[in-house]
Amino acid sequence: MRLSELSGKEIVDVKKAERLGVLGQTDLEINETTGQIQALLIPNVKWFGFKRQGTEVRVPWSHIQKIGNDMIIIDIPDGTE
């Protein structure tokens, strides 16, 4: 799958049933040797879309459960945020 196919999809946490962000507004952690995506880095956003300084949620690629047409479903184990 190409990055352009992932861009614009909503990221949803299945346990909390909440929207975390949109891919394209997140950063990717990429392995420099293999070129594979290791994690999504999703900034925490507070009121009116302003970012909180230095806070983000790191979602390892292995926690992605399903990539659909419109969204990416993730399952973050308790206590890893």
N, C-alpha and C. Protein backbone atom coordinates (compact mmCIF):
# COMPACT_ATOMS: atom_id res chain seq x y z
N MET A 1 0.85 -1.17 0.00
CA MET A 1 0.00 0.00 0.00
C MET A 1 0.90 1.24 0.00
N ARG A 2 0.53 2.21 -0.77
CA ARG A 2 1.28 3.45 -0.87
C ARG A 2 0.78 4.47 0.16
N LEU A 3 1.69 5.38 0.53
CA LEU A 3 1.34 6.42 1.48
C LEU A 3 0.17 7.26 0.96
N SER A 4 0.14 7.51 -0.33
CA SER A 4 -0.96 8.31 -0.90
C SER A 4 -2.31 7.64 -0.71
N GLU A 5 -2.34 6.31 -0.61
CA GLU A 5 -3.59 5.58 -0.37
C GLU A 5 -4.03 5.68 1.09
N LEU A 6 -3.08 5.90 2.00
CA LEU A 6 -3.39 6.04 3.42
C LEU A 6 -3.80 7.46 3.79
N SER A 7 -3.28 8.43 3.08
CA SER A 7 -3.49 9.84 3.40
C SER A 7 -4.97 10.20 3.40
N GLY A 8 -5.38 10.93 4.42
CA GLY A 8 -6.77 11.40 4.52
C GLY A 8 -7.70 10.47 5.28
N LYS A 9 -7.22 9.30 5.67
CA LYS A 9 -8.07 8.37 6.42
C LYS A 9 -8.11 8.77 7.90
N GLU A 10 -9.27 8.64 8.50
CA GLU A 10 -9.42 8.92 9.92
C GLU A 10 -8.81 7.79 10.73
N ILE A 11 -8.19 8.12 11.85
CA ILE A 11 -7.62 7.12 12.75
C ILE A 11 -8.55 7.02 13.95
N VAL A 12 -9.07 5.81 14.20
CA VAL A 12 -10.06 5.59 15.25
C VAL A 12 -9.56 4.52 16.22
N ASP A 13 -9.62 4.82 17.51
CA ASP A 13 -9.26 3.86 18.56
C ASP A 13 -10.49 3.02 18.86
N VAL A 14 -10.40 1.71 18.63
CA VAL A 14 -11.55 0.82 18.79
C VAL A 14 -11.98 0.69 20.25
N LYS A 15 -11.05 0.73 21.22
CA LYS A 15 -11.42 0.58 22.63
C LYS A 15 -12.13 1.81 23.16
N LYS A 16 -11.63 2.98 22.82
CA LYS A 16 -12.22 4.22 23.31
C LYS A 16 -13.33 4.74 22.40
N ALA A 17 -13.44 4.17 21.21
CA ALA A 17 -14.43 4.60 20.23
C ALA A 17 -14.33 6.11 19.98
N GLU A 18 -13.07 6.57 19.80
CA GLU A 18 -12.87 7.99 19.55
C GLU A 18 -11.93 8.20 18.38
N ARG A 19 -12.14 9.31 17.72
CA ARG A 19 -11.33 9.72 16.59
C ARG A 19 -10.06 10.37 17.12
N LEU A 20 -8.88 9.90 16.66
CA LEU A 20 -7.61 10.44 17.13
C LEU A 20 -7.01 11.45 16.17
N GLY A 21 -7.41 11.40 14.93
CA GLY A 21 -6.84 12.32 13.94
C GLY A 21 -7.02 11.80 12.54
N VAL A 22 -6.39 12.47 11.61
CA VAL A 22 -6.46 12.09 10.20
C VAL A 22 -5.03 11.87 9.72
N LEU A 23 -4.81 10.76 9.04
CA LEU A 23 -3.48 10.52 8.50
C LEU A 23 -3.18 11.59 7.47
N GLY A 24 -2.08 12.23 7.61
CA GLY A 24 -1.73 13.42 6.83
C GLY A 24 -1.52 14.57 7.78
N GLN A 25 -2.20 14.51 8.95
CA GLN A 25 -1.98 15.46 10.03
C GLN A 25 -1.11 14.83 11.09
N THR A 26 -0.65 13.60 10.83
CA THR A 26 0.19 12.87 11.75
C THR A 26 1.59 12.71 11.17
N ASP A 27 2.53 12.33 12.01
CA ASP A 27 3.88 12.02 11.55
C ASP A 27 4.03 10.52 11.49
N LEU A 28 4.96 10.06 10.68
CA LEU A 28 5.26 8.64 10.59
C LEU A 28 6.67 8.40 11.11
N GLU A 29 6.84 7.32 11.82
CA GLU A 29 8.17 6.88 12.25
C GLU A 29 8.57 5.77 11.28
N ILE A 30 9.63 6.00 10.51
CA ILE A 30 10.02 5.07 9.45
C ILE A 30 11.39 4.49 9.76
N ASN A 31 11.54 3.18 9.56
CA ASN A 31 12.82 2.51 9.70
C ASN A 31 13.69 2.93 8.52
N GLU A 32 14.82 3.56 8.80
CA GLU A 32 15.68 4.08 7.74
C GLU A 32 16.32 2.98 6.90
N THR A 33 16.49 1.80 7.47
CA THR A 33 17.12 0.69 6.75
C THR A 33 16.16 0.02 5.78
N THR A 34 14.95 -0.30 6.28
CA THR A 34 14.00 -1.05 5.46
C THR A 34 12.98 -0.18 4.75
N GLY A 35 12.77 1.04 5.25
CA GLY A 35 11.76 1.93 4.67
C GLY A 35 10.35 1.62 5.13
N GLN A 36 10.20 0.71 6.09
CA GLN A 36 8.88 0.34 6.58
C GLN A 36 8.42 1.31 7.67
N ILE A 37 7.11 1.53 7.72
CA ILE A 37 6.53 2.38 8.76
C ILE A 37 6.54 1.60 10.06
N GLN A 38 7.11 2.20 11.11
CA GLN A 38 7.16 1.55 12.42
C GLN A 38 6.03 2.02 13.32
N ALA A 39 5.63 3.29 13.20
CA ALA A 39 4.60 3.82 14.09
C ALA A 39 3.98 5.08 13.50
N LEU A 40 2.76 5.38 13.95
CA LEU A 40 2.10 6.65 13.66
C LEU A 40 2.29 7.52 14.89
N LEU A 41 2.63 8.78 14.72
CA LEU A 41 2.77 9.73 15.81
C LEU A 41 1.65 10.75 15.67
N ILE A 42 0.66 10.63 16.53
CA ILE A 42 -0.55 11.44 16.42
C ILE A 42 -0.51 12.54 17.47
N PRO A 43 -0.51 13.81 17.04
CA PRO A 43 -0.48 14.90 18.03
C PRO A 43 -1.79 14.97 18.79
N ASN A 44 -1.70 15.22 20.11
CA ASN A 44 -2.89 15.47 20.91
C ASN A 44 -3.37 16.87 20.58
N VAL A 45 -4.65 17.01 20.32
CA VAL A 45 -5.22 18.31 19.96
C VAL A 45 -6.23 18.71 21.01
N LYS A 46 -6.17 19.97 21.43
CA LYS A 46 -7.17 20.45 22.38
C LYS A 46 -8.11 21.40 21.66
N TRP A 47 -8.83 22.20 22.36
CA TRP A 47 -9.88 23.05 21.79
C TRP A 47 -9.44 23.83 20.57
N PHE A 48 -10.32 23.90 19.61
CA PHE A 48 -10.18 24.71 18.40
C PHE A 48 -8.99 24.29 17.54
N GLY A 49 -8.54 23.04 17.68
CA GLY A 49 -7.49 22.52 16.83
C GLY A 49 -6.07 22.92 17.17
N PHE A 50 -5.87 23.61 18.30
CA PHE A 50 -4.52 23.99 18.69
C PHE A 50 -3.80 22.78 19.30
N LYS A 51 -2.55 22.58 18.92
CA LYS A 51 -1.78 21.47 19.44
C LYS A 51 -1.27 21.78 20.84
N ARG A 52 -1.24 20.76 21.67
CA ARG A 52 -0.59 20.88 22.97
C ARG A 52 0.90 20.71 22.73
N GLN A 53 1.66 21.47 23.39
CA GLN A 53 3.11 21.46 23.18
C GLN A 53 3.72 20.12 23.59
N GLY A 54 4.35 19.42 22.64
CA GLY A 54 5.14 18.24 22.93
C GLY A 54 4.38 16.97 23.28
N THR A 55 3.06 16.94 23.15
CA THR A 55 2.33 15.73 23.49
C THR A 55 1.85 15.05 22.22
N GLU A 56 2.03 13.74 22.19
CA GLU A 56 1.58 12.96 21.04
C GLU A 56 1.35 11.53 21.49
N VAL A 57 0.57 10.81 20.69
CA VAL A 57 0.32 9.40 20.93
C VAL A 57 1.11 8.62 19.89
N ARG A 58 1.94 7.68 20.34
CA ARG A 58 2.72 6.84 19.43
C ARG A 58 1.98 5.51 19.28
N VAL A 59 1.58 5.20 18.06
CA VAL A 59 0.86 3.97 17.78
C VAL A 59 1.74 3.07 16.92
N PRO A 60 2.31 2.01 17.51
CA PRO A 60 3.12 1.09 16.72
C PRO A 60 2.29 0.46 15.60
N TRP A 61 2.92 0.20 14.47
CA TRP A 61 2.23 -0.35 13.31
C TRP A 61 1.51 -1.65 13.67
N SER A 62 2.05 -2.42 14.60
CA SER A 62 1.45 -3.70 14.98
C SER A 62 0.10 -3.53 15.68
N HIS A 63 -0.23 -2.32 16.14
CA HIS A 63 -1.52 -2.07 16.81
C HIS A 63 -2.61 -1.66 15.84
N ILE A 64 -2.28 -1.57 14.57
CA ILE A 64 -3.31 -1.27 13.57
C ILE A 64 -4.07 -2.56 13.29
N GLN A 65 -5.38 -2.52 13.50
CA GLN A 65 -6.22 -3.70 13.33
C GLN A 65 -6.76 -3.85 11.91
N LYS A 66 -7.16 -2.71 11.31
CA LYS A 66 -7.80 -2.77 10.00
C LYS A 66 -7.64 -1.44 9.30
N ILE A 67 -7.36 -1.48 8.02
CA ILE A 67 -7.32 -0.27 7.19
C ILE A 67 -8.46 -0.39 6.19
N GLY A 68 -9.45 0.49 6.33
CA GLY A 68 -10.61 0.46 5.46
C GLY A 68 -10.55 1.57 4.43
N ASN A 69 -11.65 1.77 3.72
CA ASN A 69 -11.73 2.80 2.68
C ASN A 69 -11.65 4.21 3.25
N ASP A 70 -12.23 4.41 4.46
CA ASP A 70 -12.31 5.75 5.03
C ASP A 70 -11.54 5.92 6.33
N MET A 71 -11.20 4.81 6.99
CA MET A 71 -10.57 4.94 8.30
C MET A 71 -9.58 3.83 8.58
N ILE A 72 -8.76 4.08 9.60
CA ILE A 72 -7.79 3.12 10.11
C ILE A 72 -8.21 2.83 11.55
N ILE A 73 -8.49 1.55 11.84
CA ILE A 73 -8.91 1.14 13.17
C ILE A 73 -7.68 0.66 13.93
N ILE A 74 -7.45 1.24 15.11
CA ILE A 74 -6.30 0.85 15.93
C ILE A 74 -6.77 0.33 17.27
N ASP A 75 -5.92 -0.47 17.90
CA ASP A 75 -6.22 -1.01 19.22
C ASP A 75 -4.99 -0.77 20.07
N ILE A 76 -5.02 0.27 20.91
CA ILE A 76 -3.91 0.60 21.78
C ILE A 76 -4.12 -0.12 23.11
N PRO A 77 -3.20 -1.00 23.49
CA PRO A 77 -3.35 -1.69 24.78
C PRO A 77 -3.37 -0.67 25.93
N ASP A 78 -4.10 -0.99 26.97
CA ASP A 78 -4.21 -0.13 28.15
C ASP A 78 -2.82 0.14 28.74
N GLY A 79 -2.59 1.40 29.12
CA GLY A 79 -1.36 1.78 29.78
C GLY A 79 -0.18 2.05 28.87
N THR A 80 -0.38 2.09 27.53
CA THR A 80 0.74 2.33 26.64
C THR A 80 0.77 3.74 26.09
N GLU A 81 -0.19 4.59 26.43
CA GLU A 81 -0.20 5.96 25.90
C GLU A 81 0.74 6.84 26.67
